[in-house]
Amino acid sequence: MYWNPPKEEKHKWKHENVIDNDEDKSLRIYEAHVGMAQEDGKVSTYREFIENILPRIKKAGYNAI
């Protein structure tokens, strides 16, 4: 679920050194279990996750896992 609050409800930072969380810089978190992210009926490896799942996550617009 993605929540994008109206501008007036977004957090207002108290300090200047904190990056504004505007549309193009916002954090998009994808939650995944490396061993269970594949469709195969087995526990997958990190290598399989890197090769098969990470490109799909990136293409979907996520920037954190």
C-alpha atoms as a PDB file:
ATOM      1  CA  MET A   1       0.000   0.000   0.000  1.00  0.00           C
ATOM      2  CA  TYR A   2       1.374   3.420  -0.960  1.00  0.00           C
ATOM      3  CA  TRP A   3       0.336   6.463   1.049  1.00  0.00           C
ATOM      4  CA  ASN A   4       0.865   9.911  -0.454  1.00  0.00           C
ATOM      5  CA  PRO A   5      -0.658  12.486   1.913  1.00  0.00           C
ATOM      6  CA  PRO A   6      -1.778  15.932   0.777  1.00  0.00           C
ATOM      7  CA  LYS A   7       0.949  18.584   0.996  1.00  0.00           C
ATOM      8  CA  GLU A   8      -0.547  20.130   4.149  1.00  0.00           C
ATOM      9  CA  GLU A   9      -0.350  16.758   5.959  1.00  0.00           C
ATOM     10  CA  LYS A  10       3.277  15.965   5.046  1.00  0.00           C
ATOM     11  CA  HIS A  11       5.924  16.135   7.770  1.00  0.00           C
ATOM     12  CA  LYS A  12       7.599  19.531   8.139  1.00  0.00           C
ATOM     13  CA  TRP A  13      11.302  19.179   9.001  1.00  0.00           C
ATOM     14  CA  LYS A  14      12.696  21.308  11.848  1.00  0.00           C
ATOM     15  CA  HIS A  15      16.284  21.390  10.561  1.00  0.00           C
ATOM     16  CA  GLU A  16      17.620  22.569   7.210  1.00  0.00           C
ATOM     17  CA  ASN A  17      20.004  19.634   6.688  1.00  0.00           C
ATOM     18  CA  VAL A  18      17.138  17.157   6.267  1.00  0.00           C
ATOM     19  CA  ILE A  19      16.141  16.517   2.643  1.00  0.00           C
ATOM     20  CA  ASP A  20      12.562  17.375   1.777  1.00  0.00           C
ATOM     21  CA  ASN A  21      10.578  14.245   1.036  1.00  0.00           C
ATOM     22  CA  ASP A  22       8.991  15.497  -2.175  1.00  0.00           C
ATOM     23  CA  GLU A  23       7.614  13.334  -4.978  1.00  0.00           C
ATOM     24  CA  ASP A  24      10.855  12.490  -6.826  1.00  0.00           C
ATOM     25  CA  LYS A  25      12.990  11.885  -3.708  1.00  0.00           C
ATOM     26  CA  SER A  26      10.536   9.996  -1.540  1.00  0.00           C
ATOM     27  CA  LEU A  27      11.362   6.639  -0.051  1.00  0.00           C
ATOM     28  CA  ARG A  28       9.605   3.686  -1.668  1.00  0.00           C
ATOM     29  CA  ILE A  29      10.117   0.558   0.423  1.00  0.00           C
ATOM     30  CA  TYR A  30       9.598  -2.955  -0.940  1.00  0.00           C
ATOM     31  CA  GLU A  31       9.402  -5.616   1.744  1.00  0.00           C
ATOM     32  CA  ALA A  32      10.723  -9.007   0.674  1.00  0.00           C
ATOM     33  CA  HIS A  33      12.048 -12.202   2.177  1.00  0.00           C
ATOM     34  CA  VAL A  34      15.017 -13.180   0.035  1.00  0.00           C
ATOM     35  CA  GLY A  35      14.466 -16.924   0.383  1.00  0.00           C
ATOM     36  CA  MET A  36      10.726 -16.761  -0.314  1.00  0.00           C
ATOM     37  CA  ALA A  37      10.619 -14.054  -3.023  1.00  0.00           C
ATOM     38  CA  GLN A  38      10.799 -16.522  -5.918  1.00  0.00           C
ATOM     39  CA  GLU A  39       7.840 -18.411  -7.293  1.00  0.00           C
ATOM     40  CA  ASP A  40       9.734 -21.720  -7.125  1.00  0.00           C
ATOM     41  CA  GLY A  41       8.802 -24.183  -4.410  1.00  0.00           C
ATOM     42  CA  LYS A  42      12.177 -23.878  -2.687  1.00  0.00           C
ATOM     43  CA  VAL A  43      14.209 -21.462  -0.586  1.00  0.00           C
ATOM     44  CA  SER A  44      15.986 -19.200  -3.040  1.00  0.00           C
ATOM     45  CA  THR A  45      19.549 -17.896  -2.830  1.00  0.00           C
ATOM     46  CA  TYR A  46      20.811 -14.317  -2.612  1.00  0.00           C
ATOM     47  CA  ARG A  47      22.156 -14.687  -6.162  1.00  0.00           C
ATOM     48  CA  GLU A  48      18.720 -15.700  -7.462  1.00  0.00           C
ATOM     49  CA  PHE A  49      17.180 -12.740  -5.625  1.00  0.00           C
ATOM     50  CA  ILE A  50      19.726 -10.348  -7.189  1.00  0.00           C
ATOM     51  CA  GLU A  51      19.269 -11.719 -10.704  1.00  0.00           C
ATOM     52  CA  ASN A  52      15.507 -12.357 -10.767  1.00  0.00           C
ATOM     53  CA  ILE A  53      13.794 -10.153  -8.198  1.00  0.00           C
ATOM     54  CA  LEU A  54      15.836  -6.953  -7.779  1.00  0.00           C
ATOM     55  CA  PRO A  55      15.372  -5.868 -11.419  1.00  0.00           C
ATOM     56  CA  ARG A  56      11.590  -6.252 -11.053  1.00  0.00           C
ATOM     57  CA  ILE A  57      11.601  -4.253  -7.802  1.00  0.00           C
ATOM     58  CA  LYS A  58      13.650  -1.464  -9.390  1.00  0.00           C
ATOM     59  CA  LYS A  59      11.449  -1.400 -12.494  1.00  0.00           C
ATOM     60  CA  ALA A  60       8.372  -1.027 -10.248  1.00  0.00           C
ATOM     61  CA  GLY A  61       9.878   2.200  -8.840  1.00  0.00           C
ATOM     62  CA  TYR A  62      11.017   1.052  -5.391  1.00  0.00           C
ATOM     63  CA  ASN A  63      14.289   2.481  -4.028  1.00  0.00           C
ATOM     64  CA  ALA A  64      14.665   0.616  -0.704  1.00  0.00           C
ATOM     65  CA  ILE A  65      14.269  -2.987   0.367  1.00  0.00           C
END
